[in-house]
Amino acid sequence: MTVFDKIKILAKKQLKSINEVEKEMGYSQNTLYRLKRTNPSAKKLAELADYFHVSTDYLLGRESQGRQNIDITPAITNPAITLSFKGRIIPPEEVEMIRRIIEGGRPQ
């Protein structure tokens, strides 16, 4: 699987097109499509890994699962987004409690 294939999968998980990712990252059109035939620079690889919250090893195919950080902020600020764990929807008040714990505060 190529770096482009990995990027395509990660973009799809975020419900984004490759073109949307390019725009958000400030890349010119077709920059990411070129990765079908070429290898990215170390700088671009690091930028992509940071953008998708995965390791560069994952993008290079040296790691089977990407280590992804999950940002729960959108679930707190946007009621249309829900979080779940093992099939159970997490109520907004529990999401807020989780956020406080992660940030080092105490649950109320």
PDB file of N, CA and C in Angstrom:
ATOM      1  N   MET A   1       0.845  -1.172   0.000  1.00  0.00           N
ATOM      2  CA  MET A   1       0.000   0.000   0.000  1.00  0.00           C
ATOM      3  C   MET A   1       0.898   1.245   0.000  1.00  0.00           C
ATOM      4  N   THR A   2       0.586   2.185  -0.852  1.00  0.00           N
ATOM      5  CA  THR A   2       1.399   3.395  -0.977  1.00  0.00           C
ATOM      6  C   THR A   2       1.002   4.431   0.076  1.00  0.00           C
ATOM      7  N   VAL A   3       1.838   5.451   0.203  1.00  0.00           N
ATOM      8  CA  VAL A   3       1.521   6.563   1.100  1.00  0.00           C
ATOM      9  C   VAL A   3       0.191   7.188   0.671  1.00  0.00           C
ATOM     10  N   PHE A   4      -0.009   7.333  -0.627  1.00  0.00           N
ATOM     11  CA  PHE A   4      -1.274   7.899  -1.116  1.00  0.00           C
ATOM     12  C   PHE A   4      -2.456   7.043  -0.675  1.00  0.00           C
ATOM     13  N   ASP A   5      -2.335   5.726  -0.758  1.00  0.00           N
ATOM     14  CA  ASP A   5      -3.422   4.838  -0.340  1.00  0.00           C
ATOM     15  C   ASP A   5      -3.770   5.056   1.133  1.00  0.00           C
ATOM     16  N   LYS A   6      -2.738   5.192   1.964  1.00  0.00           N
ATOM     17  CA  LYS A   6      -2.962   5.423   3.394  1.00  0.00           C
ATOM     18  C   LYS A   6      -3.670   6.764   3.608  1.00  0.00           C
ATOM     19  N   ILE A   7      -3.222   7.790   2.889  1.00  0.00           N
ATOM     20  CA  ILE A   7      -3.818   9.125   3.019  1.00  0.00           C
ATOM     21  C   ILE A   7      -5.281   9.082   2.593  1.00  0.00           C
ATOM     22  N   LYS A   8      -5.547   8.378   1.521  1.00  0.00           N
ATOM     23  CA  LYS A   8      -6.921   8.272   1.028  1.00  0.00           C
ATOM     24  C   LYS A   8      -7.824   7.627   2.077  1.00  0.00           C
ATOM     25  N   ILE A   9      -7.349   6.577   2.722  1.00  0.00           N
ATOM     26  CA  ILE A   9      -8.110   5.897   3.767  1.00  0.00           C
ATOM     27  C   ILE A   9      -8.340   6.830   4.954  1.00  0.00           C
ATOM     28  N   LEU A  10      -7.294   7.532   5.375  1.00  0.00           N
ATOM     29  CA  LEU A  10      -7.411   8.434   6.515  1.00  0.00           C
ATOM     30  C   LEU A  10      -8.365   9.592   6.212  1.00  0.00           C
ATOM     31  N   ALA A  11      -8.295  10.115   4.994  1.00  0.00           N
ATOM     32  CA  ALA A  11      -9.192  11.205   4.598  1.00  0.00           C
ATOM     33  C   ALA A  11     -10.641  10.711   4.613  1.00  0.00           C
ATOM     34  N   LYS A  12     -10.856   9.516   4.104  1.00  0.00           N
ATOM     35  CA  LYS A  12     -12.213   8.949   4.063  1.00  0.00           C
ATOM     36  C   LYS A  12     -12.775   8.782   5.473  1.00  0.00           C
ATOM     37  N   LYS A  13     -11.923   8.373   6.421  1.00  0.00           N
ATOM     38  CA  LYS A  13     -12.362   8.222   7.809  1.00  0.00           C
ATOM     39  C   LYS A  13     -12.810   9.559   8.389  1.00  0.00           C
ATOM     40  N   GLN A  14     -12.222  10.645   7.895  1.00  0.00           N
ATOM     41  CA  GLN A  14     -12.593  11.982   8.362  1.00  0.00           C
ATOM     42  C   GLN A  14     -13.681  12.606   7.482  1.00  0.00           C
ATOM     43  N   LEU A  15     -14.213  11.802   6.563  1.00  0.00           N
ATOM     44  CA  LEU A  15     -15.261  12.253   5.643  1.00  0.00           C
ATOM     45  C   LEU A  15     -14.792  13.442   4.798  1.00  0.00           C
ATOM     46  N   LYS A  16     -13.544  13.370   4.355  1.00  0.00           N
ATOM     47  CA  LYS A  16     -12.965  14.437   3.540  1.00  0.00           C
ATOM     48  C   LYS A  16     -12.447  13.855   2.236  1.00  0.00           C
ATOM     49  N   SER A  17     -12.469  14.689   1.203  1.00  0.00           N
ATOM     50  CA  SER A  17     -11.869  14.288  -0.064  1.00  0.00           C
ATOM     51  C   SER A  17     -10.383  14.653  -0.037  1.00  0.00           C
ATOM     52  N   ILE A  18      -9.646  14.077  -0.956  1.00  0.00           N
ATOM     53  CA  ILE A  18      -8.225  14.405  -1.076  1.00  0.00           C
ATOM     54  C   ILE A  18      -8.070  15.905  -1.352  1.00  0.00           C
ATOM     55  N   ASN A  19      -8.929  16.449  -2.197  1.00  0.00           N
ATOM     56  CA  ASN A  19      -8.854  17.880  -2.508  1.00  0.00           C
ATOM     57  C   ASN A  19      -9.097  18.739  -1.265  1.00  0.00           C
ATOM     58  N   GLU A  20     -10.027  18.327  -0.402  1.00  0.00           N
ATOM     59  CA  GLU A  20     -10.276  19.071   0.833  1.00  0.00           C
ATOM     60  C   GLU A  20      -9.046  19.045   1.742  1.00  0.00           C
ATOM     61  N   VAL A  21      -8.411  17.899   1.832  1.00  0.00           N
ATOM     62  CA  VAL A  21      -7.200  17.778   2.647  1.00  0.00           C
ATOM     63  C   VAL A  21      -6.118  18.695   2.094  1.00  0.00           C
ATOM     64  N   GLU A  22      -5.942  18.693   0.777  1.00  0.00           N
ATOM     65  CA  GLU A  22      -4.940  19.567   0.149  1.00  0.00           C
ATOM     66  C   GLU A  22      -5.208  21.031   0.488  1.00  0.00           C
ATOM     67  N   LYS A  23      -6.453  21.451   0.389  1.00  0.00           N
ATOM     68  CA  LYS A  23      -6.803  22.850   0.694  1.00  0.00           C
ATOM     69  C   LYS A  23      -6.512  23.180   2.146  1.00  0.00           C
ATOM     70  N   GLU A  24      -6.940  22.303   3.058  1.00  0.00           N
ATOM     71  CA  GLU A  24      -6.736  22.550   4.483  1.00  0.00           C
ATOM     72  C   GLU A  24      -5.257  22.612   4.853  1.00  0.00           C
ATOM     73  N   MET A  25      -4.447  21.856   4.144  1.00  0.00           N
ATOM     74  CA  MET A  25      -3.017  21.833   4.433  1.00  0.00           C
ATOM     75  C   MET A  25      -2.244  22.901   3.666  1.00  0.00           C
ATOM     76  N   GLY A  26      -2.926  23.618   2.789  1.00  0.00           N
ATOM     77  CA  GLY A  26      -2.260  24.668   2.021  1.00  0.00           C
ATOM     78  C   GLY A  26      -1.442  24.135   0.860  1.00  0.00           C
ATOM     79  N   TYR A  27      -1.739  22.916   0.417  1.00  0.00           N
ATOM     80  CA  TYR A  27      -1.041  22.324  -0.717  1.00  0.00           C
ATOM     81  C   TYR A  27      -1.763  22.690  -2.006  1.00  0.00           C
ATOM     82  N   SER A  28      -1.025  22.728  -3.088  1.00  0.00           N
ATOM     83  CA  SER A  28      -1.656  22.980  -4.375  1.00  0.00           C
ATOM     84  C   SER A  28      -2.420  21.718  -4.810  1.00  0.00           C
ATOM     85  N   GLN A  29      -3.342  21.928  -5.750  1.00  0.00           N
ATOM     86  CA  GLN A  29      -4.157  20.819  -6.229  1.00  0.00           C
ATOM     87  C   GLN A  29      -3.275  19.734  -6.843  1.00  0.00           C
ATOM     88  N   ASN A  30      -3.623  18.513  -6.602  1.00  0.00           N
ATOM     89  CA  ASN A  30      -2.941  17.308  -7.095  1.00  0.00           C
ATOM     90  C   ASN A  30      -1.615  16.994  -6.404  1.00  0.00           C
ATOM     91  N   THR A  31      -1.268  17.762  -5.373  1.00  0.00           N
ATOM     92  CA  THR A  31      -0.036  17.471  -4.630  1.00  0.00           C
ATOM     93  C   THR A  31      -0.075  16.059  -4.064  1.00  0.00           C
ATOM     94  N   LEU A  32      -1.193  15.712  -3.454  1.00  0.00           N
ATOM     95  CA  LEU A  32      -1.290  14.391  -2.825  1.00  0.00           C
ATOM     96  C   LEU A  32      -1.455  13.287  -3.859  1.00  0.00           C
ATOM     97  N   TYR A  33      -2.118  13.576  -4.958  1.00  0.00           N
ATOM     98  CA  TYR A  33      -2.262  12.573  -6.017  1.00  0.00           C
ATOM     99  C   TYR A  33      -0.900  12.180  -6.595  1.00  0.00           C
ATOM    100  N   ARG A  34       0.049  13.111  -6.580  1.00  0.00           N
ATOM    101  CA  ARG A  34       1.397  12.802  -7.088  1.00  0.00           C
ATOM    102  C   ARG A  34       2.090  11.727  -6.260  1.00  0.00           C
ATOM    103  N   LEU A  35       1.593  11.528  -5.032  1.00  0.00           N
ATOM    104  CA  LEU A  35       2.203  10.518  -4.168  1.00  0.00           C
ATOM    105  C   LEU A  35       1.889   9.098  -4.630  1.00  0.00           C
ATOM    106  N   LYS A  36       1.075   8.965  -5.665  1.00  0.00           N
ATOM    107  CA  LYS A  36       0.855   7.650  -6.276  1.00  0.00           C
ATOM    108  C   LYS A  36       2.125   7.180  -6.980  1.00  0.00           C
ATOM    109  N   ARG A  37       2.914   8.155  -7.493  1.00  0.00           N
ATOM    110  CA  ARG A  37       4.105   7.825  -8.288  1.00  0.00           C
ATOM    111  C   ARG A  37       5.420   8.202  -7.629  1.00  0.00           C
ATOM    112  N   THR A  38       5.357   9.087  -6.636  1.00  0.00           N
ATOM    113  CA  THR A  38       6.599   9.561  -6.013  1.00  0.00           C
ATOM    114  C   THR A  38       6.520   9.401  -4.502  1.00  0.00           C
ATOM    115  N   ASN A  39       7.659   9.495  -3.879  1.00  0.00           N
ATOM    116  CA  ASN A  39       7.713   9.447  -2.422  1.00  0.00           C
ATOM    117  C   ASN A  39       7.711  10.865  -1.875  1.00  0.00           C
ATOM    118  N   PRO A  40       7.030  11.083  -0.746  1.00  0.00           N
ATOM    119  CA  PRO A  40       7.010  12.431  -0.175  1.00  0.00           C
ATOM    120  C   PRO A  40       8.346  12.767   0.469  1.00  0.00           C
ATOM    121  N   SER A  41       8.618  14.057   0.565  1.00  0.00           N
ATOM    122  CA  SER A  41       9.801  14.499   1.304  1.00  0.00           C
ATOM    123  C   SER A  41       9.565  14.206   2.783  1.00  0.00           C
ATOM    124  N   ALA A  42      10.631  14.224   3.549  1.00  0.00           N
ATOM    125  CA  ALA A  42      10.498  13.997   4.990  1.00  0.00           C
ATOM    126  C   ALA A  42       9.609  15.062   5.614  1.00  0.00           C
ATOM    127  N   LYS A  43       9.727  16.297   5.149  1.00  0.00           N
ATOM    128  CA  LYS A  43       8.911  17.397   5.674  1.00  0.00           C
ATOM    129  C   LYS A  43       7.431  17.152   5.404  1.00  0.00           C
ATOM    130  N   LYS A  44       7.106  16.796   4.163  1.00  0.00           N
ATOM    131  CA  LYS A  44       5.703  16.565   3.794  1.00  0.00           C
ATOM    132  C   LYS A  44       5.157  15.349   4.549  1.00  0.00           C
ATOM    133  N   LEU A  45       5.962  14.318   4.696  1.00  0.00           N
ATOM    134  CA  LEU A  45       5.541  13.121   5.419  1.00  0.00           C
ATOM    135  C   LEU A  45       5.202  13.470   6.869  1.00  0.00           C
ATOM    136  N   ALA A  46       6.046  14.281   7.493  1.00  0.00           N
ATOM    137  CA  ALA A  46       5.792  14.702   8.878  1.00  0.00           C
ATOM    138  C   ALA A  46       4.531  15.556   8.962  1.00  0.00           C
ATOM    139  N   GLU A  47       4.327  16.453   8.004  1.00  0.00           N
ATOM    140  CA  GLU A  47       3.120  17.290   7.989  1.00  0.00           C
ATOM    141  C   GLU A  47       1.861  16.434   7.872  1.00  0.00           C
ATOM    142  N   LEU A  48       1.903  15.446   6.991  1.00  0.00           N
ATOM    143  CA  LEU A  48       0.757  14.559   6.812  1.00  0.00           C
ATOM    144  C   LEU A  48       0.490  13.731   8.064  1.00  0.00           C
ATOM    145  N   ALA A  49       1.550  13.232   8.682  1.00  0.00           N
ATOM    146  CA  ALA A  49       1.394  12.448   9.913  1.00  0.00           C
ATOM    147  C   ALA A  49       0.765  13.310  11.007  1.00  0.00           C
ATOM    148  N   ASP A  50       1.223  14.551  11.139  1.00  0.00           N
ATOM    149  CA  ASP A  50       0.648  15.452  12.141  1.00  0.00           C
ATOM    150  C   ASP A  50      -0.813  15.755  11.828  1.00  0.00           C
ATOM    151  N   TYR A  51      -1.107  16.005  10.568  1.00  0.00           N
ATOM    152  CA  TYR A  51      -2.473  16.348  10.158  1.00  0.00           C
ATOM    153  C   TYR A  51      -3.449  15.219  10.507  1.00  0.00           C
ATOM    154  N   PHE A  52      -3.041  13.976  10.227  1.00  0.00           N
ATOM    155  CA  PHE A  52      -3.926  12.834  10.460  1.00  0.00           C
ATOM    156  C   PHE A  52      -3.745  12.191  11.833  1.00  0.00           C
ATOM    157  N   HIS A  53      -2.829  12.723  12.634  1.00  0.00           N
ATOM    158  CA  HIS A  53      -2.562  12.187  13.975  1.00  0.00           C
ATOM    159  C   HIS A  53      -2.133  10.722  13.935  1.00  0.00           C
ATOM    160  N   VAL A  54      -1.237  10.426  13.026  1.00  0.00           N
ATOM    161  CA  VAL A  54      -0.665   9.089  12.925  1.00  0.00           C
ATOM    162  C   VAL A  54       0.851   9.231  12.887  1.00  0.00           C
ATOM    163  N   SER A  55       1.554   8.128  12.974  1.00  0.00           N
ATOM    164  CA  SER A  55       3.009   8.171  12.894  1.00  0.00           C
ATOM    165  C   SER A  55       3.460   8.144  11.434  1.00  0.00           C
ATOM    166  N   THR A  56       4.668   8.622  11.206  1.00  0.00           N
ATOM    167  CA  THR A  56       5.229   8.539   9.855  1.00  0.00           C
ATOM    168  C   THR A  56       5.438   7.073   9.475  1.00  0.00           C
ATOM    169  N   ASP A  57       5.753   6.239  10.445  1.00  0.00           N
ATOM    170  CA  ASP A  57       5.908   4.807  10.165  1.00  0.00           C
ATOM    171  C   ASP A  57       4.617   4.206   9.643  1.00  0.00           C
ATOM    172  N   TYR A  58       3.487   4.646  10.173  1.00  0.00           N
ATOM    173  CA  TYR A  58       2.201   4.156   9.675  1.00  0.00           C
ATOM    174  C   TYR A  58       2.025   4.547   8.204  1.00  0.00           C
ATOM    175  N   LEU A  59       2.305   5.803   7.873  1.00  0.00           N
ATOM    176  CA  LEU A  59       2.154   6.251   6.486  1.00  0.00           C
ATOM    177  C   LEU A  59       3.091   5.495   5.545  1.00  0.00           C
ATOM    178  N   LEU A  60       4.252   5.117   6.055  1.00  0.00           N
ATOM    179  CA  LEU A  60       5.224   4.393   5.233  1.00  0.00           C
ATOM    180  C   LEU A  60       4.961   2.892   5.188  1.00  0.00           C
ATOM    181  N   GLY A  61       3.968   2.433   5.948  1.00  0.00           N
ATOM    182  CA  GLY A  61       3.643   1.007   5.932  1.00  0.00           C
ATOM    183  C   GLY A  61       4.505   0.167   6.855  1.00  0.00           C
ATOM    184  N   ARG A  62       5.226   0.826   7.756  1.00  0.00           N
ATOM    185  CA  ARG A  62       6.101   0.101   8.683  1.00  0.00           C
ATOM    186  C   ARG A  62       5.393  -0.235   9.987  1.00  0.00           C
ATOM    187  N   GLU A  63       4.177   0.239  10.133  1.00  0.00           N
ATOM    188  CA  GLU A  63       3.375   0.025  11.333  1.00  0.00           C
ATOM    189  C   GLU A  63       1.977  -0.331  10.854  1.00  0.00           C
ATOM    190  N   SER A  64       1.393  -1.386  11.404  1.00  0.00           N
ATOM    191  CA  SER A  64       0.112  -1.857  10.865  1.00  0.00           C
ATOM    192  C   SER A  64      -1.077  -0.992  11.264  1.00  0.00           C
ATOM    193  N   GLN A  65      -1.028  -0.383  12.423  1.00  0.00           N
ATOM    194  CA  GLN A  65      -2.152   0.453  12.850  1.00  0.00           C
ATOM    195  C   GLN A  65      -1.623   1.830  13.209  1.00  0.00           C
ATOM    196  N   GLY A  66      -2.302   2.843  12.721  1.00  0.00           N
ATOM    197  CA  GLY A  66      -1.914   4.207  13.063  1.00  0.00           C
ATOM    198  C   GLY A  66      -2.280   4.513  14.491  1.00  0.00           C
ATOM    199  N   ARG A  67      -1.368   5.148  15.197  1.00  0.00           N
ATOM    200  CA  ARG A  67      -1.679   5.607  16.547  1.00  0.00           C
ATOM    201  C   ARG A  67      -2.381   6.935  16.395  1.00  0.00           C
ATOM    202  N   GLN A  68      -3.669   6.947  16.633  1.00  0.00           N
ATOM    203  CA  GLN A  68      -4.439   8.160  16.409  1.00  0.00           C
ATOM    204  C   GLN A  68      -4.855   8.790  17.723  1.00  0.00           C
ATOM    205  N   ASN A  69      -4.649  10.094  17.792  1.00  0.00           N
ATOM    206  CA  ASN A  69      -5.149  10.864  18.919  1.00  0.00           C
ATOM    207  C   ASN A  69      -6.567  11.287  18.582  1.00  0.00           C
ATOM    208  N   ILE A  70      -7.433  11.178  19.538  1.00  0.00           N
ATOM    209  CA  ILE A  70      -8.823  11.541  19.299  1.00  0.00           C
ATOM    210  C   ILE A  70      -9.090  12.869  19.992  1.00  0.00           C
ATOM    211  N   ASP A  71      -9.548  13.835  19.235  1.00  0.00           N
ATOM    212  CA  ASP A  71      -9.892  15.142  19.768  1.00  0.00           C
ATOM    213  C   ASP A  71     -11.382  15.130  20.100  1.00  0.00           C
ATOM    214  N   ILE A  72     -11.705  15.216  21.382  1.00  0.00           N
ATOM    215  CA  ILE A  72     -13.116  15.171  21.767  1.00  0.00           C
ATOM    216  C   ILE A  72     -13.743  16.560  21.790  1.00  0.00           C
ATOM    217  N   THR A  73     -12.958  17.593  21.544  1.00  0.00           N
ATOM    218  CA  THR A  73     -13.487  18.960  21.573  1.00  0.00           C
ATOM    219  C   THR A  73     -14.694  19.144  20.664  1.00  0.00           C
ATOM    220  N   PRO A  74     -14.657  18.667  19.394  1.00  0.00           N
ATOM    221  CA  PRO A  74     -15.841  18.853  18.547  1.00  0.00           C
ATOM    222  C   PRO A  74     -17.105  18.228  19.127  1.00  0.00           C
ATOM    223  N   ALA A  75     -16.983  17.130  19.841  1.00  0.00           N
ATOM    224  CA  ALA A  75     -18.155  16.481  20.421  1.00  0.00           C
ATOM    225  C   ALA A  75     -18.739  17.308  21.566  1.00  0.00           C
ATOM    226  N   ILE A  76     -17.902  18.113  22.194  1.00  0.00           N
ATOM    227  CA  ILE A  76     -18.381  18.961  23.283  1.00  0.00           C
ATOM    228  C   ILE A  76     -19.054  20.209  22.722  1.00  0.00           C
ATOM    229  N   THR A  77     -18.484  20.766  21.668  1.00  0.00           N
ATOM    230  CA  THR A  77     -18.990  22.035  21.135  1.00  0.00           C
ATOM    231  C   THR A  77     -20.056  21.866  20.060  1.00  0.00           C
ATOM    232  N   ASN A  78     -20.186  20.672  19.498  1.00  0.00           N
ATOM    233  CA  ASN A  78     -21.159  20.461  18.431  1.00  0.00           C
ATOM    234  C   ASN A  78     -22.076  19.294  18.817  1.00  0.00           C
ATOM    235  N   PRO A  79     -23.330  19.584  19.154  1.00  0.00           N
ATOM    236  CA  PRO A  79     -24.235  18.509  19.582  1.00  0.00           C
ATOM    237  C   PRO A  79     -24.564  17.496  18.483  1.00  0.00           C
ATOM    238  N   ALA A  80     -24.229  17.806  17.225  1.00  0.00           N
ATOM    239  CA  ALA A  80     -24.504  16.874  16.133  1.00  0.00           C
ATOM    240  C   ALA A  80     -23.483  15.737  16.105  1.00  0.00           C
ATOM    241  N   ILE A  81     -22.372  15.903  16.816  1.00  0.00           N
ATOM    242  CA  ILE A  81     -21.330  14.871  16.859  1.00  0.00           C
ATOM    243  C   ILE A  81     -21.501  14.066  18.139  1.00  0.00           C
ATOM    244  N   THR A  82     -21.488  12.745  17.997  1.00  0.00           N
ATOM    245  CA  THR A  82     -21.594  11.885  19.173  1.00  0.00           C
ATOM    246  C   THR A  82     -20.369  11.006  19.276  1.00  0.00           C
ATOM    247  N   LEU A  83     -20.017  10.677  20.486  1.00  0.00           N
ATOM    248  CA  LEU A  83     -18.942   9.728  20.748  1.00  0.00           C
ATOM    249  C   LEU A  83     -19.573   8.452  21.277  1.00  0.00           C
ATOM    250  N   SER A  84     -18.913   7.331  20.974  1.00  0.00           N
ATOM    251  CA  SER A  84     -19.397   6.074  21.519  1.00  0.00           C
ATOM    252  C   SER A  84     -18.203   5.231  21.931  1.00  0.00           C
ATOM    253  N   PHE A  85     -18.472   4.280  22.794  1.00  0.00           N
ATOM    254  CA  PHE A  85     -17.455   3.344  23.250  1.00  0.00           C
ATOM    255  C   PHE A  85     -18.110   1.983  23.374  1.00  0.00           C
ATOM    256  N   LYS A  86     -17.563   1.023  22.626  1.00  0.00           N
ATOM    257  CA  LYS A  86     -18.100  -0.338  22.608  1.00  0.00           C
ATOM    258  C   LYS A  86     -19.600  -0.347  22.318  1.00  0.00           C
ATOM    259  N   GLY A  87     -20.021   0.499  21.384  1.00  0.00           N
ATOM    260  CA  GLY A  87     -21.407   0.528  20.952  1.00  0.00           C
ATOM    261  C   GLY A  87     -22.336   1.358  21.808  1.00  0.00           C
ATOM    262  N   ARG A  88     -21.835   1.914  22.906  1.00  0.00           N
ATOM    263  CA  ARG A  88     -22.664   2.728  23.799  1.00  0.00           C
ATOM    264  C   ARG A  88     -22.379   4.199  23.541  1.00  0.00           C
ATOM    265  N   ILE A  89     -23.417   4.986  23.268  1.00  0.00           N
ATOM    266  CA  ILE A  89     -23.245   6.422  23.064  1.00  0.00           C
ATOM    267  C   ILE A  89     -22.897   7.068  24.399  1.00  0.00           C
ATOM    268  N   ILE A  90     -21.875   7.902  24.371  1.00  0.00           N
ATOM    269  CA  ILE A  90     -21.444   8.599  25.582  1.00  0.00           C
ATOM    270  C   ILE A  90     -22.232   9.902  25.687  1.00  0.00           C
ATOM    271  N   PRO A  91     -22.992  10.075  26.777  1.00  0.00           N
ATOM    272  CA  PRO A  91     -23.766  11.312  26.936  1.00  0.00           C
ATOM    273  C   PRO A  91     -22.841  12.528  27.051  1.00  0.00           C
ATOM    274  N   PRO A  92     -23.326  13.709  26.638  1.00  0.00           N
ATOM    275  CA  PRO A  92     -22.487  14.924  26.662  1.00  0.00           C
ATOM    276  C   PRO A  92     -21.863  15.216  28.027  1.00  0.00           C
ATOM    277  N   GLU A  93     -22.588  14.958  29.110  1.00  0.00           N
ATOM    278  CA  GLU A  93     -22.011  15.243  30.434  1.00  0.00           C
ATOM    279  C   GLU A  93     -20.828  14.328  30.745  1.00  0.00           C
ATOM    280  N   GLU A  94     -20.855  13.093  30.245  1.00  0.00           N
ATOM    281  CA  GLU A  94     -19.722  12.189  30.434  1.00  0.00           C
ATOM    282  C   GLU A  94     -18.557  12.583  29.540  1.00  0.00           C
ATOM    283  N   VAL A  95     -18.856  13.079  28.334  1.00  0.00           N
ATOM    284  CA  VAL A  95     -17.804  13.569  27.445  1.00  0.00           C
ATOM    285  C   VAL A  95     -17.080  14.733  28.127  1.00  0.00           C
ATOM    286  N   GLU A  96     -17.838  15.622  28.741  1.00  0.00           N
ATOM    287  CA  GLU A  96     -17.245  16.756  29.458  1.00  0.00           C
ATOM    288  C   GLU A  96     -16.378  16.264  30.610  1.00  0.00           C
ATOM    289  N   MET A  97     -16.837  15.256  31.336  1.00  0.00           N
ATOM    290  CA  MET A  97     -16.064  14.697  32.439  1.00  0.00           C
ATOM    291  C   MET A  97     -14.758  14.078  31.912  1.00  0.00           C
ATOM    292  N   ILE A  98     -14.829  13.364  30.804  1.00  0.00           N
ATOM    293  CA  ILE A  98     -13.642  12.768  30.194  1.00  0.00           C
ATOM    294  C   ILE A  98     -12.653  13.859  29.801  1.00  0.00           C
ATOM    295  N   ARG A  99     -13.180  14.957  29.207  1.00  0.00           N
ATOM    296  CA  ARG A  99     -12.314  16.060  28.806  1.00  0.00           C
ATOM    297  C   ARG A  99     -11.575  16.631  30.012  1.00  0.00           C
ATOM    298  N   ARG A 100     -12.305  16.824  31.113  1.00  0.00           N
ATOM    299  CA  ARG A 100     -11.679  17.374  32.325  1.00  0.00           C
ATOM    300  C   ARG A 100     -10.585  16.448  32.856  1.00  0.00           C
ATOM    301  N   ILE A 101     -10.850  15.161  32.830  1.00  0.00           N
ATOM    302  CA  ILE A 101      -9.854  14.186  33.316  1.00  0.00           C
ATOM    303  C   ILE A 101      -8.598  14.252  32.443  1.00  0.00           C
ATOM    304  N   ILE A 102      -8.800  14.278  31.131  1.00  0.00           N
ATOM    305  CA  ILE A 102      -7.665  14.322  30.207  1.00  0.00           C
ATOM    306  C   ILE A 102      -6.841  15.583  30.414  1.00  0.00           C
ATOM    307  N   GLU A 103      -7.517  16.699  30.667  1.00  0.00           N
ATOM    308  CA  GLU A 103      -6.829  17.969  30.854  1.00  0.00           C
ATOM    309  C   GLU A 103      -6.237  18.102  32.257  1.00  0.00           C
ATOM    310  N   GLY A 104      -6.394  17.088  33.087  1.00  0.00           N
ATOM    311  CA  GLY A 104      -5.777  17.102  34.409  1.00  0.00           C
ATOM    312  C   GLY A 104      -6.654  17.657  35.497  1.00  0.00           C
ATOM    313  N   GLY A 105      -7.892  17.927  35.193  1.00  0.00           N
ATOM    314  CA  GLY A 105      -8.823  18.431  36.210  1.00  0.00           C
ATOM    315  C   GLY A 105      -9.531  17.289  36.894  1.00  0.00           C
ATOM    316  N   ARG A 106     -10.357  17.653  37.813  1.00  0.00           N
ATOM    317  CA  ARG A 106     -11.140  16.641  38.520  1.00  0.00           C
ATOM    318  C   ARG A 106     -12.562  16.610  38.002  1.00  0.00           C
ATOM    319  N   PRO A 107     -13.123  15.402  37.886  1.00  0.00           N
ATOM    320  CA  PRO A 107     -14.545  15.337  37.494  1.00  0.00           C
ATOM    321  C   PRO A 107     -15.400  15.922  38.610  1.00  0.00           C
ATOM    322  N   GLN A 108     -16.509  16.517  38.235  1.00  0.00           N
ATOM    323  CA  GLN A 108     -17.390  17.126  39.250  1.00  0.00           C
ATOM    324  C   GLN A 108     -18.479  16.164  39.635  1.00  0.00           C
TER     325      GLN A 108
END
